[in-house]
C-alpha atoms as a PDB file:
ATOM      1  CA  MET A   1       0.127   0.007   0.096  1.00  0.00           C
ATOM      2  CA  GLU A   2       2.381   2.420   1.249  1.00  0.00           C
ATOM      3  CA  GLU A   3       4.490   1.905  -2.394  1.00  0.00           C
ATOM      4  CA  LYS A   4       1.149   2.213  -4.216  1.00  0.00           C
ATOM      5  CA  PHE A   5       1.181   5.956  -2.567  1.00  0.00           C
ATOM      6  CA  GLN A   6       4.773   6.337  -3.262  1.00  0.00           C
ATOM      7  CA  ASN A   7       4.058   6.085  -6.981  1.00  0.00           C
ATOM      8  CA  TYR A   8       1.208   8.016  -6.871  1.00  0.00           C
ATOM      9  CA  SER A   9       3.126  11.317  -5.115  1.00  0.00           C
ATOM     10  CA  GLU A  10       5.581  10.941  -7.711  1.00  0.00           C
ATOM     11  CA  GLU A  11       3.266  10.985 -10.413  1.00  0.00           C
ATOM     12  CA  PHE A  12       1.690  13.952  -8.463  1.00  0.00           C
ATOM     13  CA  LEU A  13       5.067  15.955  -8.384  1.00  0.00           C
ATOM     14  CA  GLU A  14       5.133  15.731 -12.311  1.00  0.00           C
ATOM     15  CA  TYR A  15       1.863  17.060 -12.621  1.00  0.00           C
ATOM     16  CA  LEU A  16       2.505  19.859 -10.621  1.00  0.00           C
ATOM     17  CA  LEU A  17       5.927  20.915 -12.596  1.00  0.00           C
ATOM     18  CA  ASP A  18       4.568  19.882 -15.877  1.00  0.00           C
ATOM     19  CA  VAL A  19       0.539  20.540 -15.581  1.00  0.00           C
ATOM     20  CA  ARG A  20       0.264  23.131 -13.305  1.00  0.00           C
ATOM     21  CA  GLY A  21       3.803  24.912 -13.743  1.00  0.00           C
ATOM     22  CA  TYR A  22       4.673  25.190 -10.301  1.00  0.00           C
ATOM     23  CA  SER A  23       8.352  26.148  -9.745  1.00  0.00           C
ATOM     24  CA  GLU A  24      11.359  23.976  -8.789  1.00  0.00           C
ATOM     25  CA  THR A  25      11.309  25.072  -5.622  1.00  0.00           C
ATOM     26  CA  SER A  26       7.633  24.851  -4.538  1.00  0.00           C
ATOM     27  CA  ILE A  27       8.223  21.137  -6.363  1.00  0.00           C
ATOM     28  CA  VAL A  28      10.751  20.498  -3.650  1.00  0.00           C
ATOM     29  CA  THR A  29       8.462  22.227  -0.510  1.00  0.00           C
ATOM     30  CA  TYR A  30       5.830  19.330  -1.649  1.00  0.00           C
ATOM     31  CA  GLU A  31       8.217  16.440  -1.971  1.00  0.00           C
ATOM     32  CA  ILE A  32       9.516  16.904   1.323  1.00  0.00           C
ATOM     33  CA  ALA A  33       6.192  17.389   2.501  1.00  0.00           C
ATOM     34  CA  LEU A  34       5.228  14.439   1.033  1.00  0.00           C
ATOM     35  CA  ARG A  35       8.223  12.350   1.953  1.00  0.00           C
ATOM     36  CA  GLN A  36       8.142  12.996   5.521  1.00  0.00           C
ATOM     37  CA  MET A  37       4.635  12.181   5.713  1.00  0.00           C
ATOM     38  CA  MET A  38       5.165   8.695   4.175  1.00  0.00           C
ATOM     39  CA  GLU A  39       7.700   8.130   6.551  1.00  0.00           C
ATOM     40  CA  VAL A  40       5.355   7.696   9.616  1.00  0.00           C
ATOM     41  CA  SER A  41       1.586   7.927   8.350  1.00  0.00           C
ATOM     42  CA  HIS A  42      -0.557   4.795   8.448  1.00  0.00           C
ATOM     43  CA  PHE A  43      -1.661   3.546   5.338  1.00  0.00           C
ATOM     44  CA  TYR A  44      -4.628   0.803   4.789  1.00  0.00           C
ATOM     45  CA  GLU A  45      -8.200  -0.282   3.066  1.00  0.00           C
ATOM     46  CA  GLU A  46     -10.970  -0.311   4.952  1.00  0.00           C
ATOM     47  CA  GLU A  47     -14.579  -1.403   2.709  1.00  0.00           C
ATOM     48  CA  GLY A  48     -13.068  -0.444  -0.579  1.00  0.00           C
ATOM     49  CA  ILE A  49     -11.769   2.945   0.739  1.00  0.00           C
ATOM     50  CA  PHE A  50      -7.873   4.144   0.672  1.00  0.00           C
ATOM     51  CA  VAL A  51      -7.860   5.659   4.410  1.00  0.00           C
ATOM     52  CA  LEU A  52      -4.237   7.656   5.075  1.00  0.00           C
ATOM     53  CA  ASP A  53      -3.829   8.168   8.906  1.00  0.00           C
ATOM     54  CA  ILE A  54      -1.400  10.903   9.206  1.00  0.00           C
ATOM     55  CA  THR A  55      -1.674  11.402  13.003  1.00  0.00           C
ATOM     56  CA  PRO A  56       2.182  10.225  13.411  1.00  0.00           C
ATOM     57  CA  PHE A  57       2.952  12.875  10.801  1.00  0.00           C
ATOM     58  CA  ARG A  58       1.304  15.551  12.863  1.00  0.00           C
ATOM     59  CA  PHE A  59       3.189  14.892  16.069  1.00  0.00           C
ATOM     60  CA  ARG A  60       6.497  14.655  13.980  1.00  0.00           C
ATOM     61  CA  ILE A  61       6.088  18.150  13.391  1.00  0.00           C
ATOM     62  CA  VAL A  62       4.431  19.409  15.891  1.00  0.00           C
ATOM     63  CA  GLU A  63       7.190  21.798  17.039  1.00  0.00           C
ATOM     64  CA  ASN A  64       8.028  23.374  13.482  1.00  0.00           C
ATOM     65  CA  HIS A  65       6.764  26.837  12.914  1.00  0.00           C
ATOM     66  CA  LYS A  66       3.147  26.782  12.471  1.00  0.00           C
ATOM     67  CA  LYS A  67       3.262  28.698   9.608  1.00  0.00           C
ATOM     68  CA  THR A  68       5.765  25.438   8.002  1.00  0.00           C
ATOM     69  CA  ILE A  69       3.259  23.061   9.764  1.00  0.00           C
ATOM     70  CA  VAL A  70       0.236  24.625   7.599  1.00  0.00           C
ATOM     71  CA  LYS A  71       2.284  24.805   4.221  1.00  0.00           C
ATOM     72  CA  LYS A  72       3.047  20.964   4.952  1.00  0.00           C
ATOM     73  CA  LEU A  73      -0.157  20.335   5.892  1.00  0.00           C
ATOM     74  CA  SER A  74      -1.604  22.118   2.611  1.00  0.00           C
ATOM     75  CA  ALA A  75       1.045  19.816   0.695  1.00  0.00           C
ATOM     76  CA  VAL A  76      -0.831  16.527   1.718  1.00  0.00           C
ATOM     77  CA  ARG A  77      -4.332  18.091   1.034  1.00  0.00           C
ATOM     78  CA  SER A  78      -3.390  18.978  -2.405  1.00  0.00           C
ATOM     79  CA  PHE A  79      -1.998  15.466  -2.802  1.00  0.00           C
ATOM     80  CA  MET A  80      -5.511  14.038  -1.737  1.00  0.00           C
ATOM     81  CA  LYS A  81      -7.412  16.098  -3.625  1.00  0.00           C
ATOM     82  CA  TYR A  82      -5.247  14.874  -7.144  1.00  0.00           C
ATOM     83  CA  LEU A  83      -6.005  11.062  -6.265  1.00  0.00           C
ATOM     84  CA  GLU A  84      -9.445  11.906  -5.742  1.00  0.00           C
ATOM     85  CA  ASP A  85     -10.009  13.946  -8.588  1.00  0.00           C
ATOM     86  CA  LEU A  86      -7.332  12.288 -11.145  1.00  0.00           C
ATOM     87  CA  CYS A  87      -6.967   8.938 -10.149  1.00  0.00           C
ATOM     88  CA  HIS A  88     -10.732   8.646  -8.678  1.00  0.00           C
ATOM     89  CA  MET A  89      -9.516   6.771  -5.676  1.00  0.00           C
ATOM     90  CA  ARG A  90     -12.111   6.820  -3.016  1.00  0.00           C
ATOM     91  CA  LEU A  91     -10.384   8.187   0.023  1.00  0.00           C
ATOM     92  CA  LYS A  92     -10.160   8.782   4.035  1.00  0.00           C
ATOM     93  CA  LEU A  93      -7.690  11.576   5.308  1.00  0.00           C
ATOM     94  CA  ILE A  94      -7.497  11.472   9.504  1.00  0.00           C
ATOM     95  CA  GLY A  95      -5.307  13.501  11.604  1.00  0.00           C
ATOM     96  CA  ASP A  96      -6.462  16.668   8.878  1.00  0.00           C
ATOM     97  CA  GLU A  97      -7.764  18.862  12.021  1.00  0.00           C
ATOM     98  CA  SER A  98      -7.101  22.526  10.607  1.00  0.00           C
ATOM     99  CA  ILE A  99      -4.207  24.584  12.488  1.00  0.00           C
ATOM    100  CA  LYS A 100      -4.623  28.019  13.363  1.00  0.00           C
ATOM    101  CA  VAL A 101      -2.233  30.580  12.477  1.00  0.00           C
ATOM    102  CA  PRO A 102      -1.582  33.274  15.000  1.00  0.00           C
ATOM    103  CA  GLN A 103      -2.027  36.647  13.787  1.00  0.00           C
ATOM    104  CA  SER A 104       1.634  38.910  13.133  1.00  0.00           C
ATOM    105  CA  LEU A 105       1.399  42.481  13.605  1.00  0.00           C
ATOM    106  CA  PRO A 106       3.530  45.292  12.128  1.00  0.00           C
ATOM    107  CA  LYS A 107       5.688  47.062  14.593  1.00  0.00           C
ATOM    108  CA  PRO A 108       4.064  50.336  16.015  1.00  0.00           C
ATOM    109  CA  ILE A 109       5.655  53.438  15.101  1.00  0.00           C
ATOM    110  CA  GLU A 110       7.022  55.391  17.676  1.00  0.00           C
ATOM    111  CA  GLU A 111       5.973  58.379  19.014  1.00  0.00           C
ATOM    112  CA  LYS A 112       8.539  60.271  18.281  1.00  0.00           C
ATOM    113  CA  TYR A 113       8.953  59.308  15.075  1.00  0.00           C
ATOM    114  CA  ILE A 114       5.632  60.321  14.116  1.00  0.00           C
ATOM    115  CA  THR A 115       5.441  63.841  15.901  1.00  0.00           C
ATOM    116  CA  GLU A 116       8.918  64.842  14.106  1.00  0.00           C
ATOM    117  CA  VAL A 117       7.481  63.976  10.828  1.00  0.00           C
ATOM    118  CA  LEU A 118       4.020  65.630  11.494  1.00  0.00           C
ATOM    119  CA  GLY A 119       6.623  69.129  12.294  1.00  0.00           C
ATOM    120  CA  LYS A 120       7.954  68.810   8.880  1.00  0.00           C
ATOM    121  CA  ALA A 121       4.748  68.078   6.939  1.00  0.00           C
ATOM    122  CA  ASN A 122       2.478  70.689   4.479  1.00  0.00           C
ATOM    123  CA  LEU A 123      -1.173  71.029   5.308  1.00  0.00           C
ATOM    124  CA  GLN A 124      -2.704  68.075   3.403  1.00  0.00           C
ATOM    125  CA  GLU A 125       0.279  65.609   4.840  1.00  0.00           C
ATOM    126  CA  LYS A 126      -0.440  66.523   8.388  1.00  0.00           C
ATOM    127  CA  LEU A 127      -4.922  66.632   8.003  1.00  0.00           C
ATOM    128  CA  LEU A 128      -3.658  62.826   6.385  1.00  0.00           C
ATOM    129  CA  LEU A 129      -1.383  61.700   9.179  1.00  0.00           C
ATOM    130  CA  SER A 130      -3.262  63.402  11.542  1.00  0.00           C
ATOM    131  CA  MET A 131      -6.288  61.614  10.949  1.00  0.00           C
ATOM    132  CA  LEU A 132      -4.919  58.051  10.579  1.00  0.00           C
ATOM    133  CA  TYR A 133      -3.113  57.948  13.601  1.00  0.00           C
ATOM    134  CA  GLY A 134      -5.564  60.372  15.815  1.00  0.00           C
ATOM    135  CA  LEU A 135      -8.748  58.382  14.659  1.00  0.00           C
ATOM    136  CA  GLY A 136      -7.687  54.901  13.733  1.00  0.00           C
ATOM    137  CA  LEU A 137      -8.946  54.746  10.617  1.00  0.00           C
ATOM    138  CA  ARG A 138      -7.949  52.254   7.598  1.00  0.00           C
ATOM    139  CA  ILE A 139      -6.885  54.293   4.414  1.00  0.00           C
ATOM    140  CA  SER A 140     -10.094  52.868   2.560  1.00  0.00           C
ATOM    141  CA  GLU A 141     -12.505  55.038   5.313  1.00  0.00           C
ATOM    142  CA  LEU A 142     -10.199  57.860   5.362  1.00  0.00           C
ATOM    143  CA  SER A 143     -11.051  57.456   1.357  1.00  0.00           C
ATOM    144  CA  ALA A 144     -14.863  57.770   1.352  1.00  0.00           C
ATOM    145  CA  LEU A 145     -15.146  60.043   3.979  1.00  0.00           C
ATOM    146  CA  LYS A 146     -17.098  63.419   3.255  1.00  0.00           C
ATOM    147  CA  LEU A 147     -17.849  66.466   4.766  1.00  0.00           C
ATOM    148  CA  ALA A 148     -20.684  66.006   5.473  1.00  0.00           C
ATOM    149  CA  ASP A 149     -19.908  63.305   7.541  1.00  0.00           C
ATOM    150  CA  ILE A 150     -17.489  65.492   9.825  1.00  0.00           C
ATOM    151  CA  LYS A 151     -20.008  67.425  12.569  1.00  0.00           C
ATOM    152  CA  GLU A 152     -18.871  69.713  15.721  1.00  0.00           C
ATOM    153  CA  GLY A 153     -16.733  67.253  17.817  1.00  0.00           C
ATOM    154  CA  TRP A 154     -17.473  63.836  15.975  1.00  0.00           C
ATOM    155  CA  VAL A 155     -17.138  62.240  12.666  1.00  0.00           C
ATOM    156  CA  GLN A 156     -19.291  59.436  11.597  1.00  0.00           C
ATOM    157  CA  ILE A 157     -17.060  56.400   9.968  1.00  0.00           C
ATOM    158  CA  HIS A 158     -18.665  54.198   7.201  1.00  0.00           C
ATOM    159  CA  GLY A 159     -16.586  51.055   7.894  1.00  0.00           C
ATOM    160  CA  LYS A 160     -16.272  47.441   7.214  1.00  0.00           C
ATOM    161  CA  GLY A 161     -20.072  45.685   6.016  1.00  0.00           C
ATOM    162  CA  ASN A 162     -21.583  49.396   5.931  1.00  0.00           C
ATOM    163  CA  LYS A 163     -21.469  49.567   9.772  1.00  0.00           C
ATOM    164  CA  VAL A 164     -21.296  53.278  10.973  1.00  0.00           C
ATOM    165  CA  ARG A 165     -19.421  54.231  13.962  1.00  0.00           C
ATOM    166  CA  GLU A 166     -19.304  58.034  15.302  1.00  0.00           C
ATOM    167  CA  LEU A 167     -15.868  58.724  16.547  1.00  0.00           C
ATOM    168  CA  PRO A 168     -14.642  62.033  18.870  1.00  0.00           C
ATOM    169  CA  LEU A 169     -12.741  64.678  16.618  1.00  0.00           C
ATOM    170  CA  LEU A 170      -9.604  66.033  19.196  1.00  0.00           C
ATOM    171  CA  ALA A 171      -9.546  69.822  19.493  1.00  0.00           C
ATOM    172  CA  GLU A 172      -6.328  69.882  17.573  1.00  0.00           C
ATOM    173  CA  LEU A 173      -7.381  68.002  14.620  1.00  0.00           C
ATOM    174  CA  GLN A 174     -10.815  69.537  14.507  1.00  0.00           C
ATOM    175  CA  ARG A 175      -8.893  72.765  13.680  1.00  0.00           C
ATOM    176  CA  LEU A 176      -6.843  71.304  11.309  1.00  0.00           C
ATOM    177  CA  ILE A 177      -9.652  70.318   9.191  1.00  0.00           C
ATOM    178  CA  SER A 178     -11.431  73.678   9.523  1.00  0.00           C
ATOM    179  CA  VAL A 179      -8.533  75.274   8.177  1.00  0.00           C
ATOM    180  CA  TYR A 180      -7.873  72.812   5.266  1.00  0.00           C
ATOM    181  CA  VAL A 181     -11.080  73.178   4.353  1.00  0.00           C
ATOM    182  CA  LYS A 182     -10.792  76.623   4.732  1.00  0.00           C
ATOM    183  CA  GLU A 183      -7.543  76.587   2.510  1.00  0.00           C
ATOM    184  CA  ARG A 184      -8.548  73.584  -0.096  1.00  0.00           C
ATOM    185  CA  THR A 185     -12.164  74.103  -0.343  1.00  0.00           C
ATOM    186  CA  PRO A 186     -13.119  70.569  -1.227  1.00  0.00           C
ATOM    187  CA  LYS A 187     -16.448  69.603  -2.745  1.00  0.00           C
ATOM    188  CA  SER A 188     -17.554  66.675  -1.066  1.00  0.00           C
ATOM    189  CA  TYR A 189     -14.877  64.689  -0.087  1.00  0.00           C
ATOM    190  CA  LEU A 190     -12.474  65.462   2.720  1.00  0.00           C
ATOM    191  CA  PHE A 191      -9.639  64.299   0.319  1.00  0.00           C
ATOM    192  CA  GLU A 192     -10.147  65.382  -3.304  1.00  0.00           C
ATOM    193  CA  LYS A 193      -8.344  65.665  -6.496  1.00  0.00           C
ATOM    194  CA  GLY A 194     -10.028  67.352  -9.300  1.00  0.00           C
ATOM    195  CA  ASN A 195     -13.911  66.348  -8.719  1.00  0.00           C
ATOM    196  CA  ALA A 196     -13.229  63.124  -7.691  1.00  0.00           C
ATOM    197  CA  PRO A 197     -12.314  61.524  -3.939  1.00  0.00           C
ATOM    198  CA  MET A 198      -8.623  60.665  -3.924  1.00  0.00           C
ATOM    199  CA  ASN A 199      -8.762  57.008  -3.856  1.00  0.00           C
ATOM    200  CA  ALA A 200      -6.917  54.709  -1.068  1.00  0.00           C
ATOM    201  CA  ALA A 201      -3.407  54.420  -3.602  1.00  0.00           C
ATOM    202  CA  GLN A 202      -3.212  58.316  -3.872  1.00  0.00           C
ATOM    203  CA  LEU A 203      -3.308  58.563  -0.238  1.00  0.00           C
ATOM    204  CA  ARG A 204      -1.509  55.750   0.574  1.00  0.00           C
ATOM    205  CA  TYR A 205       1.486  57.274  -2.185  1.00  0.00           C
ATOM    206  CA  LEU A 206       1.256  60.704  -0.119  1.00  0.00           C
ATOM    207  CA  LEU A 207       1.732  59.046   3.376  1.00  0.00           C
ATOM    208  CA  SER A 208       4.783  56.928   2.212  1.00  0.00           C
ATOM    209  CA  LYS A 209       6.290  59.511   0.556  1.00  0.00           C
ATOM    210  CA  LEU A 210       6.127  62.020   3.512  1.00  0.00           C
ATOM    211  CA  PHE A 211       7.425  59.179   6.257  1.00  0.00           C
ATOM    212  CA  ARG A 212      10.158  57.882   3.387  1.00  0.00           C
ATOM    213  CA  GLU A 213      11.952  61.732   3.641  1.00  0.00           C
ATOM    214  CA  ALA A 214      12.249  61.104   6.869  1.00  0.00           C
ATOM    215  CA  GLY A 215      13.971  57.875   6.453  1.00  0.00           C
ATOM    216  CA  LEU A 216      11.162  55.553   7.664  1.00  0.00           C
ATOM    217  CA  LYS A 217       8.861  52.739   5.372  1.00  0.00           C
ATOM    218  CA  VAL A 218       5.222  53.312   7.097  1.00  0.00           C
ATOM    219  CA  THR A 219       2.180  52.116   5.752  1.00  0.00           C
ATOM    220  CA  PRO A 220      -1.378  53.342   6.468  1.00  0.00           C
ATOM    221  CA  HIS A 221      -2.129  50.100   8.612  1.00  0.00           C
ATOM    222  CA  GLN A 222       0.863  50.192  10.566  1.00  0.00           C
ATOM    223  CA  LEU A 223      -0.575  53.958  11.716  1.00  0.00           C
ATOM    224  CA  ARG A 224      -4.136  52.113  12.911  1.00  0.00           C
ATOM    225  CA  HIS A 225      -1.879  49.602  14.888  1.00  0.00           C
ATOM    226  CA  SER A 226       0.238  52.169  16.701  1.00  0.00           C
ATOM    227  CA  PHE A 227      -2.572  54.436  17.312  1.00  0.00           C
ATOM    228  CA  ALA A 228      -4.360  51.201  18.997  1.00  0.00           C
ATOM    229  CA  THR A 229      -0.929  50.329  20.981  1.00  0.00           C
ATOM    230  CA  HIS A 230      -0.259  53.885  21.880  1.00  0.00           C
ATOM    231  CA  LEU A 231      -3.716  53.809  23.617  1.00  0.00           C
ATOM    232  CA  LEU A 232      -3.199  50.525  25.396  1.00  0.00           C
ATOM    233  CA  ASN A 233       0.260  51.858  26.622  1.00  0.00           C
ATOM    234  CA  HIS A 234      -1.353  55.155  28.274  1.00  0.00           C
ATOM    235  CA  GLY A 235      -4.337  52.732  30.014  1.00  0.00           C
ATOM    236  CA  ALA A 236      -7.217  53.432  27.645  1.00  0.00           C
ATOM    237  CA  ARG A 237      -9.676  50.443  28.229  1.00  0.00           C
ATOM    238  CA  ILE A 238      -9.823  48.060  25.512  1.00  0.00           C
ATOM    239  CA  ALA A 239     -13.233  47.859  25.116  1.00  0.00           C
ATOM    240  CA  ASP A 240     -12.875  51.693  24.555  1.00  0.00           C
ATOM    241  CA  VAL A 241     -10.515  50.797  21.892  1.00  0.00           C
ATOM    242  CA  SER A 242     -12.304  48.204  20.480  1.00  0.00           C
ATOM    243  CA  GLU A 243     -15.154  50.408  19.543  1.00  0.00           C
ATOM    244  CA  LEU A 244     -13.075  53.467  17.872  1.00  0.00           C
ATOM    245  CA  LEU A 245     -11.405  50.646  15.639  1.00  0.00           C
ATOM    246  CA  GLY A 246     -14.484  49.141  14.871  1.00  0.00           C
ATOM    247  CA  HIS A 247     -13.977  45.972  15.357  1.00  0.00           C
ATOM    248  CA  GLU A 248     -16.587  43.272  15.850  1.00  0.00           C
ATOM    249  CA  THR A 249     -15.207  41.584  19.135  1.00  0.00           C
ATOM    250  CA  MET A 250     -12.629  42.593  21.800  1.00  0.00           C
ATOM    251  CA  ALA A 251     -11.165  39.334  20.526  1.00  0.00           C
ATOM    252  CA  THR A 252      -9.742  40.733  17.799  1.00  0.00           C
ATOM    253  CA  THR A 253      -8.390  43.776  19.948  1.00  0.00           C
ATOM    254  CA  GLN A 254      -6.535  41.437  22.095  1.00  0.00           C
ATOM    255  CA  VAL A 255      -3.819  41.083  19.500  1.00  0.00           C
ATOM    256  CA  TYR A 256      -2.699  44.867  20.961  1.00  0.00           C
ATOM    257  CA  THR A 257      -2.390  43.961  24.523  1.00  0.00           C
ATOM    258  CA  LYS A 258       0.353  41.458  23.522  1.00  0.00           C
ATOM    259  CA  LEU A 259       2.244  44.647  22.354  1.00  0.00           C
ATOM    260  CA  GLY A 260       1.512  46.563  25.066  1.00  0.00           C
ATOM    261  CA  SER A 261       2.472  43.735  27.327  1.00  0.00           C
ATOM    262  CA  VAL A 262       5.874  43.657  25.674  1.00  0.00           C
ATOM    263  CA  LYS A 263       6.626  46.929  26.345  1.00  0.00           C
ATOM    264  CA  LYS A 264       5.468  46.793  29.793  1.00  0.00           C
ATOM    265  CA  MET A 265       8.256  44.104  29.932  1.00  0.00           C
ATOM    266  CA  GLN A 266      10.780  46.213  28.355  1.00  0.00           C
ATOM    267  CA  GLU A 267      10.473  49.078  30.726  1.00  0.00           C
ATOM    268  CA  TYR A 268      10.383  46.550  33.977  1.00  0.00           C
ATOM    269  CA  MET A 269      13.285  45.390  32.737  1.00  0.00           C
ATOM    270  CA  LYS A 270      15.455  48.583  32.623  1.00  0.00           C
ATOM    271  CA  ALA A 271      13.292  50.283  35.466  1.00  0.00           C
ATOM    272  CA  HIS A 272      13.770  47.530  38.189  1.00  0.00           C
ATOM    273  CA  PRO A 273      16.917  47.824  40.710  1.00  0.00           C
ATOM    274  CA  LEU A 274      18.164  44.301  39.888  1.00  0.00           C
ATOM    275  CA  ALA A 275      18.520  45.272  36.216  1.00  0.00           C
ATOM    276  CA  ASP A 276      21.876  46.787  36.864  1.00  0.00           C
ATOM    277  CA  ALA A 277      24.301  44.002  37.325  1.00  0.00           C
ATOM    278  CA  GLU A 278      26.156  46.502  39.760  1.00  0.00           C
ATOM    279  CA  HIS A 279      24.089  46.326  42.195  1.00  0.00           C
ATOM    280  CA  LEU A 280      24.201  42.773  42.630  1.00  0.00           C
ATOM    281  CA  PRO A 281      25.979  40.779  45.515  1.00  0.00           C
ATOM    282  CA  LYS A 282      29.125  39.251  43.914  1.00  0.00           C
END
């Protein structure tokens, strides 16, 4: 049985290379995953159905990075689909429970760098940066922001899934908007070019150019992360931050608390008297 699956796996790799046009690098990745799987997995036939139990394989790769595990399991699933669709085999896969890949967040920008860039920005750049960092907006939300959505002390944001949230405007941000509208006289949207709203790509270009001139590579989403992280670091409640970001559940926002915890640990390691080796008894 194992020899039969080995032959099929070689045919599968040839299929990926010749028919699907996979790169040599991808073929090697698939070959390694399938070889490791076949070395330890159980193959048997049960009532006319070929059964592949990859539970031992899961134990073997348990210490791999989670993204590596996901890739190896994906290779096994692709192989099984090949056997079912092109070889017309009746198959059953055991031990294929999905694994959740942990979310990774971009590193938040230090507050001092944001302040420094704000000090050198022109009026449009300053408003762009202040709206993203001051309100934690998505770039798409800022692109779609209409003048009619900006009230005295509040701004109405139309977010994902047509969900609307109202955010408080800082006094300085309210003043900056007033100055910008008076000087640039936009007609319908806060950020316009010609008679049309500036799209996300145009706003993203302005932002990246602004930070690039300061020697930094920054994305709009990174500013959103910075907004959340800095609020939490300064003692804001997670429930309030979640509402400001427009998250459906606090579970999404809780990812940011990990960043806050890292910061607290770093400060603790610097601040505690025993952190200075000179104070330790010899």
